[in-house]
Amino acid sequence: MPDLRALFARLPGIDALLNHADLNLPLARHGRDAVVAAARQVLDGARAHIRDHAVLPAWASDAGALARRIAADCADRQRLALRPVYNLTGTVLHTNLGRAVQAEAAVEAVTRAMRHAVTLEYDLDGAGRGHRDSAISELLASITGAEAACVVNNNAAAVLITLATLAAGREVIVSRGELVEIGGAFRMPDVMRQAGCRLVEVGATNRTHLRDYRDAISADTALLMKVHTSNYAIEGFTASVSESELAPLAREHGLPLATDLGSGALIDLSRHGLPAEPMPQQMIAAGIDVVTFSGDKLLGGPQAGLIIGRRDWIARIQKHPLKRALRCDKLSLAALEATLRLYLEPDRLPDTLPTLRYLTRAQTEIRAVAGRLLPALTLAAGEAFRVDDQACLSQIGSGSLPVDRLPSWAICIEPRDGRGKTLEAFAQRLRELPSPVIGRLSAGKLWLDLRLLDDEAGFCANLAALSAAPAH
């Protein structure tokens, strides 16, 4: 039986390890305390391995191997969880991958806000306290024609605080066909309950008429509400009431009318060859009192919930106790302001706003990218896979325009043995690259949709690590 004491004795002490040349750089980079903590953890792991297996682990065969293990552990501790990836899924606004890629103007604005004290709630003219939403409110008023605006941390929060302000303890009338569920099983009826409202459903799932709203109004009604079904579509025998039709009924009864647009495109997407989406400015023009929408979907900015509308209602929302809990920090506001200012120069948006650039990218351009990358990916995949390029369809994502697809082009990787496990293992190797590559598995192939790929040189350099790493 192996002598465990002799095996334990072969492990060097902490001081001896700290003097090893392979730890000079980690000590300088991470500090003594961090390296000592990593060394203790590595040595404890080695001792546990000896007790369980009666043998030294390969990574503890000598002081050099241990030092390299410690250095690697120190580096791993500092590796950020939020890592840049190559999004080749074909979904432009991918919720799990952070939705909208930010414009350079927004990146620069956030960097400045991080490095310096900023006028977050400071009025330079009066040398006193200002309001953190002021700049955003002025911009949104200019872009949409609304009287005022409020900003919270996402659109669910925008809907929640709007309902809590306008209708807490009273009834809200909504079409049954608009009681949507968004990601994470977050349902409109649940939001209403949390806001303290009583939901009154009208119409049928597929057909709602103006008379349905009229018949449901009572002395306890506080709000009429429309919800844009941006994440699904009902087709066939359908009918719905538009905001412009509903606004006169709301005014007749002295009730506010709110609409939740979800994606909230601030430009006419049809001008860029994309499917039309309801715009906040159209809602304001139709007489809607309060409109809510997202900042990180079709608008192409950071995560935020935007509330625009009549000045008196927005003022009440700003004073609600929830506002402080839901407000945005300076970084989100800096990115949002910089993004909104791009909309003041709409002709340049396809060049300055990444979301619009990706959505309008021509299939011919994407196919040319595929042609240039095909040799590198063929080499990286190796003989075990067939690699070619094919037409495909991208999607917008995040519940925006759910039935519409964008003609795109992809590189397809298919295992010659036809085994799903072989393909999944290769997809895993791509995800383990220094800059992980995220594709889409479908029909026995790995599809790398190139719609969102900008950095071809960096992508090819990243693949070099794939060739160097052993296959699982």
Protein backbone atom coordinates (compact mmCIF):
# COMPACT_ATOMS: atom_id res chain seq x y z
CA MET A 1 0.00 0.00 0.00
CA PRO A 2 1.44 3.45 -0.90
CA ASP A 3 2.92 5.49 1.91
CA LEU A 4 0.56 8.49 2.08
CA ARG A 5 2.91 10.37 4.39
CA ALA A 6 5.66 10.14 1.79
CA LEU A 7 3.31 11.48 -0.87
CA PHE A 8 2.23 14.38 1.36
CA ALA A 9 5.89 15.15 2.05
CA ARG A 10 6.55 15.62 -1.68
CA LEU A 11 4.27 18.67 -1.70
CA PRO A 12 6.30 21.86 -1.19
CA GLY A 13 5.35 24.44 1.42
CA ILE A 14 3.74 27.80 0.70
CA ASP A 15 7.00 29.76 1.07
CA ALA A 16 8.85 27.47 -1.33
CA LEU A 17 6.09 27.84 -3.91
CA LEU A 18 6.04 31.63 -3.60
CA ASN A 19 9.74 31.71 -4.47
CA HIS A 20 9.18 29.76 -7.69
CA ALA A 21 9.92 31.77 -10.84
CA ASP A 22 6.55 30.87 -12.41
CA LEU A 23 4.79 32.84 -9.66
CA ASN A 24 6.74 36.07 -10.09
CA LEU A 25 4.25 37.48 -12.60
CA PRO A 26 1.13 36.37 -10.67
CA LEU A 27 2.56 37.95 -7.50
CA ALA A 28 3.12 41.23 -9.32
CA ARG A 29 -0.27 41.11 -11.02
CA HIS A 30 -2.53 39.81 -8.24
CA GLY A 31 -0.65 40.53 -4.97
CA ARG A 32 0.71 38.21 -2.29
CA ASP A 33 -2.57 37.63 -0.44
CA ALA A 34 -4.39 36.40 -3.54
CA VAL A 35 -1.53 34.10 -4.58
CA VAL A 36 -1.22 32.66 -1.06
CA ALA A 37 -4.96 31.95 -0.97
CA ALA A 38 -4.76 30.21 -4.35
CA ALA A 39 -1.70 28.22 -3.26
CA ARG A 40 -3.46 26.97 -0.12
CA GLN A 41 -6.47 25.92 -2.17
CA VAL A 42 -4.32 24.08 -4.71
CA LEU A 43 -2.33 22.29 -2.00
CA ASP A 44 -5.55 21.31 -0.21
CA GLY A 45 -6.81 19.88 -3.50
CA ALA A 46 -3.61 17.91 -3.96
CA ARG A 47 -3.86 16.46 -0.43
CA ALA A 48 -7.49 15.47 -1.01
CA HIS A 49 -6.49 13.73 -4.24
CA ILE A 50 -3.75 11.80 -2.42
CA ARG A 51 -6.19 10.69 0.30
CA ASP A 52 -8.75 9.54 -2.27
CA HIS A 53 -6.45 7.95 -4.84
CA ALA A 54 -3.15 7.31 -3.01
CA VAL A 55 -1.23 9.04 -5.79
CA LEU A 56 -0.04 12.54 -6.64
CA PRO A 57 -2.25 14.27 -9.24
CA ALA A 58 -0.48 15.05 -12.51
CA TRP A 59 -0.80 18.78 -11.89
CA ALA A 60 1.13 18.41 -8.62
CA SER A 61 4.01 16.29 -9.90
CA ASP A 62 6.58 18.97 -9.04
CA ALA A 63 6.87 22.57 -7.83
CA GLY A 64 6.71 23.94 -11.37
CA ALA A 65 3.45 22.14 -12.12
CA LEU A 66 1.95 23.39 -8.85
CA ALA A 67 3.10 26.95 -9.54
CA ARG A 68 1.49 26.89 -12.97
CA ARG A 69 -1.73 25.55 -11.44
CA ILE A 70 -1.71 28.37 -8.90
CA ALA A 71 -1.07 30.96 -11.60
CA ALA A 72 -3.97 29.60 -13.65
CA ASP A 73 -6.27 29.68 -10.61
CA CYS A 74 -5.33 33.30 -9.90
CA ALA A 75 -6.16 34.23 -13.48
CA ASP A 76 -9.46 32.32 -13.36
CA ARG A 77 -10.52 34.21 -10.24
CA GLN A 78 -10.17 37.48 -12.15
CA ARG A 79 -11.99 36.30 -15.28
CA LEU A 80 -15.19 38.27 -15.66
CA ALA A 81 -18.46 36.41 -15.93
CA LEU A 82 -19.70 38.91 -18.53
CA ARG A 83 -17.46 37.95 -21.44
CA PRO A 84 -17.58 39.19 -25.02
CA VAL A 85 -18.78 36.51 -27.43
CA TYR A 86 -19.34 36.18 -31.15
CA ASN A 87 -23.10 36.08 -31.55
CA LEU A 88 -23.60 33.91 -34.64
CA THR A 89 -27.03 32.65 -33.59
CA GLY A 90 -28.83 34.76 -36.18
CA THR A 91 -30.81 36.56 -33.45
CA VAL A 92 -29.97 40.26 -33.55
CA LEU A 93 -31.52 41.20 -30.19
CA HIS A 94 -30.61 38.08 -28.23
CA THR A 95 -31.86 38.43 -24.66
CA ASN A 96 -29.38 35.88 -23.27
CA LEU A 97 -26.49 37.62 -25.03
CA GLY A 98 -27.29 41.15 -23.86
CA ARG A 99 -29.72 42.34 -26.56
CA ALA A 100 -28.63 45.51 -28.38
CA VAL A 101 -24.95 46.11 -29.12
CA GLN A 102 -24.33 49.70 -28.12
CA ALA A 103 -23.33 52.52 -30.44
CA GLU A 104 -19.83 53.91 -30.14
CA ALA A 105 -21.31 57.20 -28.94
CA ALA A 106 -22.98 55.34 -26.07
CA VAL A 107 -19.77 53.46 -25.20
CA GLU A 108 -17.84 56.73 -25.05
CA ALA A 109 -20.54 58.39 -22.94
CA VAL A 110 -20.50 55.54 -20.41
CA THR A 111 -16.70 55.62 -20.23
CA ARG A 112 -16.77 59.35 -19.43
CA ALA A 113 -19.47 58.86 -16.82
CA MET A 114 -17.39 56.14 -15.14
CA ARG A 115 -14.18 58.17 -15.08
CA HIS A 116 -15.52 61.52 -13.95
CA ALA A 117 -18.01 63.21 -11.68
CA VAL A 118 -21.03 64.09 -13.83
CA THR A 119 -24.09 66.31 -13.71
CA LEU A 120 -26.42 63.45 -12.79
CA GLU A 121 -28.68 65.52 -10.53
CA TYR A 122 -26.91 68.87 -10.67
CA ASP A 123 -28.23 71.96 -12.41
CA LEU A 124 -25.31 73.94 -13.80
CA ASP A 125 -27.47 77.02 -14.41
CA GLY A 126 -28.87 77.25 -10.89
CA ALA A 127 -25.95 75.57 -9.10
CA GLY A 128 -28.48 73.40 -7.29
CA ARG A 129 -30.13 70.03 -7.46
CA GLY A 130 -31.53 68.96 -10.81
CA HIS A 131 -33.53 65.90 -11.95
CA ARG A 132 -31.74 62.89 -13.39
CA ASP A 133 -34.40 62.38 -16.09
CA SER A 134 -34.31 65.95 -17.42
CA ALA A 135 -32.04 65.45 -20.44
CA ILE A 136 -33.81 62.23 -21.48
CA SER A 137 -37.21 63.88 -21.09
CA GLU A 138 -36.22 66.77 -23.35
CA LEU A 139 -34.82 64.43 -25.99
CA LEU A 140 -37.84 62.16 -26.03
CA ALA A 141 -40.16 65.16 -26.18
CA SER A 142 -38.25 66.41 -29.22
CA ILE A 143 -38.26 63.02 -30.95
CA THR A 144 -41.79 61.85 -30.13
CA GLY A 145 -43.81 65.02 -29.59
CA ALA A 146 -44.68 63.99 -26.02
CA GLU A 147 -44.96 66.65 -23.34
CA ALA A 148 -42.65 64.86 -20.89
CA ALA A 149 -40.89 61.57 -20.18
CA CYS A 150 -39.73 59.38 -17.32
CA VAL A 151 -37.01 56.70 -17.28
CA VAL A 152 -36.89 53.50 -15.22
CA ASN A 153 -34.70 50.42 -15.39
CA ASN A 154 -36.72 48.32 -17.86
CA ASN A 155 -40.06 48.23 -19.63
CA ALA A 156 -41.66 45.86 -17.11
CA ALA A 157 -40.86 48.47 -14.47
CA ALA A 158 -42.31 51.16 -16.74
CA VAL A 159 -45.61 49.27 -16.98
CA LEU A 160 -45.61 48.51 -13.24
CA ILE A 161 -45.11 52.10 -12.08
CA THR A 162 -47.57 53.42 -14.68
CA LEU A 163 -50.29 51.08 -13.44
CA ALA A 164 -49.46 51.74 -9.78
CA THR A 165 -49.69 55.51 -10.36
CA LEU A 166 -52.73 55.68 -12.60
CA ALA A 167 -54.92 52.88 -11.29
CA ALA A 168 -53.89 51.42 -7.91
CA GLY A 169 -56.92 49.95 -6.13
CA ARG A 170 -59.16 50.38 -9.17
CA GLU A 171 -60.03 48.72 -12.48
CA VAL A 172 -57.95 48.58 -15.67
CA ILE A 173 -59.70 47.51 -18.86
CA VAL A 174 -57.61 45.45 -21.31
CA SER A 175 -58.50 43.29 -24.31
CA ARG A 176 -58.30 39.58 -23.55
CA GLY A 177 -56.14 39.12 -26.64
CA GLU A 178 -53.50 41.48 -25.23
CA LEU A 179 -52.77 39.80 -21.89
CA VAL A 180 -49.28 38.88 -23.00
CA GLU A 181 -46.59 36.86 -21.30
CA ILE A 182 -43.02 38.00 -21.86
CA GLY A 183 -39.76 36.22 -21.00
CA GLY A 184 -39.43 34.48 -17.66
CA ALA A 185 -43.19 33.80 -17.35
CA PHE A 186 -43.77 37.49 -16.61
CA ARG A 187 -47.44 38.05 -17.40
CA MET A 188 -49.46 41.23 -17.74
CA PRO A 189 -52.12 40.06 -15.22
CA ASP A 190 -49.32 39.45 -12.70
CA VAL A 191 -47.96 42.95 -13.24
CA MET A 192 -51.43 44.38 -12.62
CA ARG A 193 -51.79 42.47 -9.36
CA GLN A 194 -48.40 43.70 -8.18
CA ALA A 195 -49.44 47.26 -9.03
CA GLY A 196 -52.59 46.87 -6.95
CA CYS A 197 -54.98 47.06 -9.92
CA ARG A 198 -58.03 44.97 -10.74
CA LEU A 199 -57.95 43.60 -14.25
CA VAL A 200 -61.08 43.73 -16.34
CA GLU A 201 -60.79 41.59 -19.49
CA VAL A 202 -62.91 42.48 -22.49
CA GLY A 203 -63.56 40.85 -25.85
CA ALA A 204 -62.43 37.42 -26.95
CA THR A 205 -58.93 36.10 -27.55
CA ASN A 206 -59.11 36.83 -31.26
CA ARG A 207 -61.70 39.63 -31.52
CA THR A 208 -62.31 42.73 -29.44
CA HIS A 209 -64.57 45.65 -30.40
CA LEU A 210 -64.96 49.23 -29.19
CA ARG A 211 -68.33 48.36 -27.64
CA ASP A 212 -66.55 45.83 -25.40
CA TYR A 213 -64.56 48.63 -23.79
CA ARG A 214 -67.59 50.91 -23.60
CA ASP A 215 -69.75 48.27 -21.91
CA ALA A 216 -67.03 47.50 -19.33
CA ILE A 217 -66.50 51.08 -18.11
CA SER A 218 -67.85 51.62 -14.60
CA ALA A 219 -67.52 54.11 -11.78
CA ASP A 220 -64.50 52.12 -10.57
CA THR A 221 -62.64 52.22 -13.89
CA ALA A 222 -59.36 54.09 -13.64
CA LEU A 223 -57.59 53.31 -16.92
CA LEU A 224 -58.04 51.95 -20.42
CA MET A 225 -54.96 50.09 -21.62
CA LYS A 226 -53.60 48.71 -24.88
CA VAL A 227 -50.73 46.21 -25.00
CA HIS A 228 -48.87 45.71 -28.27
CA THR A 229 -48.51 41.97 -28.90
CA SER A 230 -44.93 42.30 -30.04
CA ASN A 231 -43.86 38.75 -29.17
CA TYR A 232 -46.56 36.80 -31.00
CA ALA A 233 -49.20 37.21 -33.70
CA ILE A 234 -52.81 36.07 -34.07
CA GLU A 235 -53.96 35.56 -37.64
CA GLY A 236 -57.25 34.70 -39.29
CA PHE A 237 -60.65 35.80 -37.95
CA THR A 238 -59.42 38.70 -35.81
CA ALA A 239 -60.41 42.20 -34.79
CA SER A 240 -58.87 44.75 -32.45
CA VAL A 241 -59.44 48.37 -31.49
CA SER A 242 -56.68 50.82 -32.40
CA GLU A 243 -55.41 53.51 -30.09
CA SER A 244 -56.88 56.22 -32.31
CA GLU A 245 -60.33 54.60 -31.97
CA LEU A 246 -60.00 54.11 -28.23
CA ALA A 247 -58.75 57.63 -27.40
CA PRO A 248 -62.12 59.40 -27.98
CA LEU A 249 -63.86 56.86 -25.72
CA ALA A 250 -61.32 57.49 -22.96
CA ARG A 251 -61.78 61.27 -23.28
CA GLU A 252 -65.56 60.89 -23.28
CA HIS A 253 -65.39 59.24 -19.88
CA GLY A 254 -62.54 61.33 -18.49
CA LEU A 255 -60.19 58.36 -18.30
CA PRO A 256 -56.48 58.13 -19.14
CA LEU A 257 -55.44 55.79 -21.95
CA ALA A 258 -52.09 53.99 -21.79
CA THR A 259 -50.36 51.73 -24.28
CA ASP A 260 -47.39 49.43 -23.82
CA LEU A 261 -45.44 49.15 -27.07
CA GLY A 262 -42.73 46.83 -25.76
CA SER A 263 -40.14 47.11 -28.52
CA GLY A 264 -40.81 50.78 -29.25
CA ALA A 265 -39.17 51.63 -32.59
CA LEU A 266 -38.46 55.36 -32.80
CA ILE A 267 -38.20 55.38 -36.60
CA ASP A 268 -40.32 54.07 -39.45
CA LEU A 269 -38.64 50.72 -40.04
CA SER A 270 -40.40 50.27 -43.37
CA ARG A 271 -38.21 53.05 -44.79
CA HIS A 272 -35.29 50.68 -44.31
CA GLY A 273 -36.97 47.66 -45.88
CA LEU A 274 -38.07 46.18 -42.54
CA PRO A 275 -41.58 45.35 -41.32
CA ALA A 276 -43.38 48.35 -39.83
CA GLU A 277 -43.66 48.53 -36.06
CA PRO A 278 -45.89 50.92 -34.04
CA MET A 279 -43.98 54.04 -33.06
CA PRO A 280 -44.32 56.04 -29.81
CA GLN A 281 -44.77 59.27 -31.76
CA GLN A 282 -47.74 57.73 -33.57
CA MET A 283 -49.31 56.89 -30.23
CA ILE A 284 -48.82 60.43 -28.93
CA ALA A 285 -50.35 61.84 -32.11
CA ALA A 286 -53.32 59.47 -31.65
CA GLY A 287 -54.06 61.00 -28.26
CA ILE A 288 -52.57 58.40 -25.93
CA ASP A 289 -51.90 59.80 -22.46
CA VAL A 290 -49.04 57.48 -21.47
CA VAL A 291 -46.84 55.27 -23.68
CA THR A 292 -44.26 52.77 -22.38
CA PHE A 293 -41.50 51.02 -24.35
CA SER A 294 -38.01 49.52 -24.06
CA GLY A 295 -34.64 51.13 -24.57
CA ASP A 296 -32.70 47.97 -25.44
CA LYS A 297 -34.81 46.45 -28.20
CA LEU A 298 -35.55 48.16 -31.51
CA LEU A 299 -34.44 51.50 -30.10
CA GLY A 300 -30.92 50.01 -29.92
CA GLY A 301 -29.86 51.48 -26.58
CA PRO A 302 -29.21 50.20 -23.04
CA GLN A 303 -31.72 48.39 -20.87
CA ALA A 304 -34.30 50.97 -19.81
CA GLY A 305 -38.03 51.51 -19.59
CA LEU A 306 -39.22 54.73 -21.20
CA ILE A 307 -42.50 56.40 -20.26
CA ILE A 308 -43.73 59.33 -22.36
CA GLY A 309 -46.98 61.25 -22.43
CA ARG A 310 -48.92 64.09 -20.86
CA ARG A 311 -46.97 66.27 -18.47
CA ASP A 312 -49.43 65.88 -15.58
CA TRP A 313 -49.41 62.09 -15.70
CA ILE A 314 -45.62 61.90 -16.06
CA ALA A 315 -45.24 64.25 -13.07
CA ARG A 316 -47.39 61.91 -10.97
CA ILE A 317 -45.30 58.91 -12.05
CA GLN A 318 -42.08 60.75 -11.15
CA LYS A 319 -43.42 61.33 -7.61
CA HIS A 320 -44.49 57.73 -7.01
CA PRO A 321 -42.49 55.97 -4.24
CA LEU A 322 -41.54 53.21 -6.68
CA LYS A 323 -39.62 55.65 -8.86
CA ARG A 324 -36.58 55.71 -6.58
CA ALA A 325 -36.48 51.90 -6.48
CA LEU A 326 -36.78 51.64 -10.26
CA ARG A 327 -34.63 54.56 -11.39
CA CYS A 328 -31.64 54.18 -13.73
CA ASP A 329 -28.05 54.77 -12.69
CA LYS A 330 -25.72 57.25 -14.36
CA LEU A 331 -24.24 54.65 -16.74
CA SER A 332 -27.59 53.65 -18.20
CA LEU A 333 -28.64 57.27 -18.49
CA ALA A 334 -25.37 58.21 -20.20
CA ALA A 335 -25.76 55.44 -22.77
CA LEU A 336 -29.44 56.22 -23.31
CA GLU A 337 -28.85 59.94 -23.83
CA ALA A 338 -26.05 59.30 -26.31
CA THR A 339 -28.23 56.80 -28.20
CA LEU A 340 -31.23 59.16 -28.35
CA ARG A 341 -29.05 61.97 -29.68
CA LEU A 342 -28.26 59.75 -32.67
CA TYR A 343 -31.97 59.93 -33.54
CA LEU A 344 -31.62 63.68 -33.98
CA GLU A 345 -29.64 62.80 -37.14
CA PRO A 346 -31.92 60.08 -38.58
CA ASP A 347 -30.25 59.90 -42.00
CA ARG A 348 -27.05 58.65 -40.34
CA LEU A 349 -28.69 55.98 -38.15
CA PRO A 350 -27.84 53.00 -40.41
CA ASP A 351 -24.17 53.91 -39.90
CA THR A 352 -24.22 55.04 -36.25
CA LEU A 353 -26.68 52.61 -34.62
CA PRO A 354 -25.49 48.97 -34.61
CA THR A 355 -28.98 47.51 -34.20
CA LEU A 356 -30.26 49.20 -37.35
CA ARG A 357 -27.06 48.36 -39.23
CA TYR A 358 -27.41 44.66 -38.39
CA LEU A 359 -31.12 44.59 -39.20
CA THR A 360 -30.59 46.18 -42.60
CA ARG A 361 -27.44 44.29 -43.58
CA ALA A 362 -27.86 42.92 -47.10
CA GLN A 363 -27.74 39.17 -47.68
CA THR A 364 -25.20 39.67 -50.49
CA GLU A 365 -22.82 41.40 -48.08
CA ILE A 366 -23.21 38.60 -45.52
CA ARG A 367 -22.63 35.97 -48.19
CA ALA A 368 -19.37 37.66 -49.15
CA VAL A 369 -18.26 37.41 -45.51
CA ALA A 370 -19.07 33.70 -45.55
CA GLY A 371 -16.96 33.21 -48.66
CA ARG A 372 -13.97 34.85 -47.01
CA LEU A 373 -14.30 32.87 -43.77
CA LEU A 374 -15.09 29.47 -45.25
CA PRO A 375 -11.43 28.35 -45.69
CA ALA A 376 -10.52 29.27 -42.10
CA LEU A 377 -13.50 27.46 -40.62
CA THR A 378 -12.94 24.42 -42.84
CA LEU A 379 -9.37 24.19 -41.56
CA ALA A 380 -10.43 24.73 -37.94
CA ALA A 381 -13.15 22.10 -38.08
CA GLY A 382 -10.88 19.44 -39.55
CA GLU A 383 -11.54 16.29 -41.53
CA ALA A 384 -14.28 15.07 -39.22
CA PHE A 385 -16.73 17.71 -40.52
CA ARG A 386 -18.23 18.90 -43.79
CA VAL A 387 -18.22 22.69 -43.96
CA ASP A 388 -20.11 24.78 -46.49
CA ASP A 389 -22.06 28.04 -46.69
CA GLN A 390 -25.82 28.30 -47.17
CA ALA A 391 -28.66 30.80 -47.19
CA CYS A 392 -30.56 31.11 -43.92
CA LEU A 393 -32.99 33.38 -42.09
CA SER A 394 -32.09 35.61 -39.16
CA GLN A 395 -34.60 36.84 -36.62
CA ILE A 396 -34.90 40.16 -34.82
CA GLY A 397 -35.30 38.70 -31.33
CA SER A 398 -36.45 39.82 -27.86
CA GLY A 399 -40.08 39.44 -28.91
CA SER A 400 -39.78 42.04 -31.66
CA LEU A 401 -41.58 41.30 -34.95
CA PRO A 402 -41.81 37.58 -34.07
CA VAL A 403 -43.09 36.24 -37.40
CA ASP A 404 -40.68 38.20 -39.59
CA ARG A 405 -37.34 36.83 -40.78
CA LEU A 406 -34.32 38.47 -42.41
CA PRO A 407 -32.55 36.79 -45.37
CA SER A 408 -29.03 36.00 -44.25
CA TRP A 409 -26.10 33.65 -44.90
CA ALA A 410 -24.39 31.10 -42.68
CA ILE A 411 -21.50 28.70 -42.56
CA CYS A 412 -22.81 25.22 -41.78
CA ILE A 413 -20.76 22.54 -40.03
CA GLU A 414 -21.95 18.93 -40.21
CA PRO A 415 -20.25 15.85 -38.69
CA ARG A 416 -19.32 13.21 -41.25
CA ASP A 417 -20.30 10.45 -38.81
CA GLY A 418 -23.78 11.97 -38.50
CA ARG A 419 -23.68 11.79 -34.72
CA GLY A 420 -25.29 14.54 -32.68
CA LYS A 421 -22.74 14.09 -29.89
CA THR A 422 -19.90 14.81 -32.31
CA LEU A 423 -21.57 18.06 -33.35
CA GLU A 424 -22.37 19.08 -29.77
CA ALA A 425 -18.76 18.47 -28.75
CA PHE A 426 -17.53 20.74 -31.55
CA ALA A 427 -20.05 23.43 -30.58
CA GLN A 428 -18.72 23.15 -27.02
CA ARG A 429 -15.14 23.65 -28.25
CA LEU A 430 -16.26 26.83 -30.01
CA ARG A 431 -17.79 28.07 -26.77
CA GLU A 432 -14.52 27.40 -24.97
CA LEU A 433 -12.47 29.68 -27.24
CA PRO A 434 -10.91 32.83 -25.72
CA SER A 435 -13.81 34.73 -27.32
CA PRO A 436 -16.60 32.14 -27.29
CA VAL A 437 -18.43 31.53 -30.56
CA ILE A 438 -22.16 30.94 -30.13
CA GLY A 439 -24.02 29.36 -33.05
CA ARG A 440 -27.31 27.51 -33.54
CA LEU A 441 -27.81 23.75 -33.74
CA SER A 442 -30.53 22.74 -36.20
CA ALA A 443 -31.22 19.89 -38.62
CA GLY A 444 -28.03 18.04 -37.65
CA LYS A 445 -25.80 21.03 -38.39
CA LEU A 446 -24.16 23.88 -36.53
CA TRP A 447 -25.25 27.12 -38.22
CA LEU A 448 -22.98 30.15 -37.84
CA ASP A 449 -25.13 33.04 -39.09
CA LEU A 450 -22.75 35.85 -40.01
CA ARG A 451 -25.21 38.76 -39.90
CA LEU A 452 -23.69 40.21 -36.72
CA LEU A 453 -20.01 39.51 -37.46
CA ASP A 454 -17.99 42.71 -37.88
CA ASP A 455 -14.47 41.71 -36.88
CA GLU A 456 -13.41 39.09 -39.44
CA ALA A 457 -9.70 39.34 -38.61
CA GLY A 458 -10.33 38.94 -34.88
CA PHE A 459 -12.65 36.01 -35.53
CA CYS A 460 -10.01 34.17 -37.58
CA ALA A 461 -7.33 34.85 -34.98
CA ASN A 462 -9.68 33.48 -32.33
CA LEU A 463 -10.04 30.24 -34.31
CA ALA A 464 -6.31 29.61 -33.97
CA ALA A 465 -6.91 28.54 -30.38
CA LEU A 466 -9.33 25.88 -31.67
CA SER A 467 -6.61 24.31 -33.79
CA ALA A 468 -4.16 24.36 -30.91
CA ALA A 469 -6.52 22.82 -28.34
CA PRO A 470 -7.00 19.05 -28.22
CA ALA A 471 -10.42 17.72 -29.14
CA HIS A 472 -12.48 16.28 -26.30
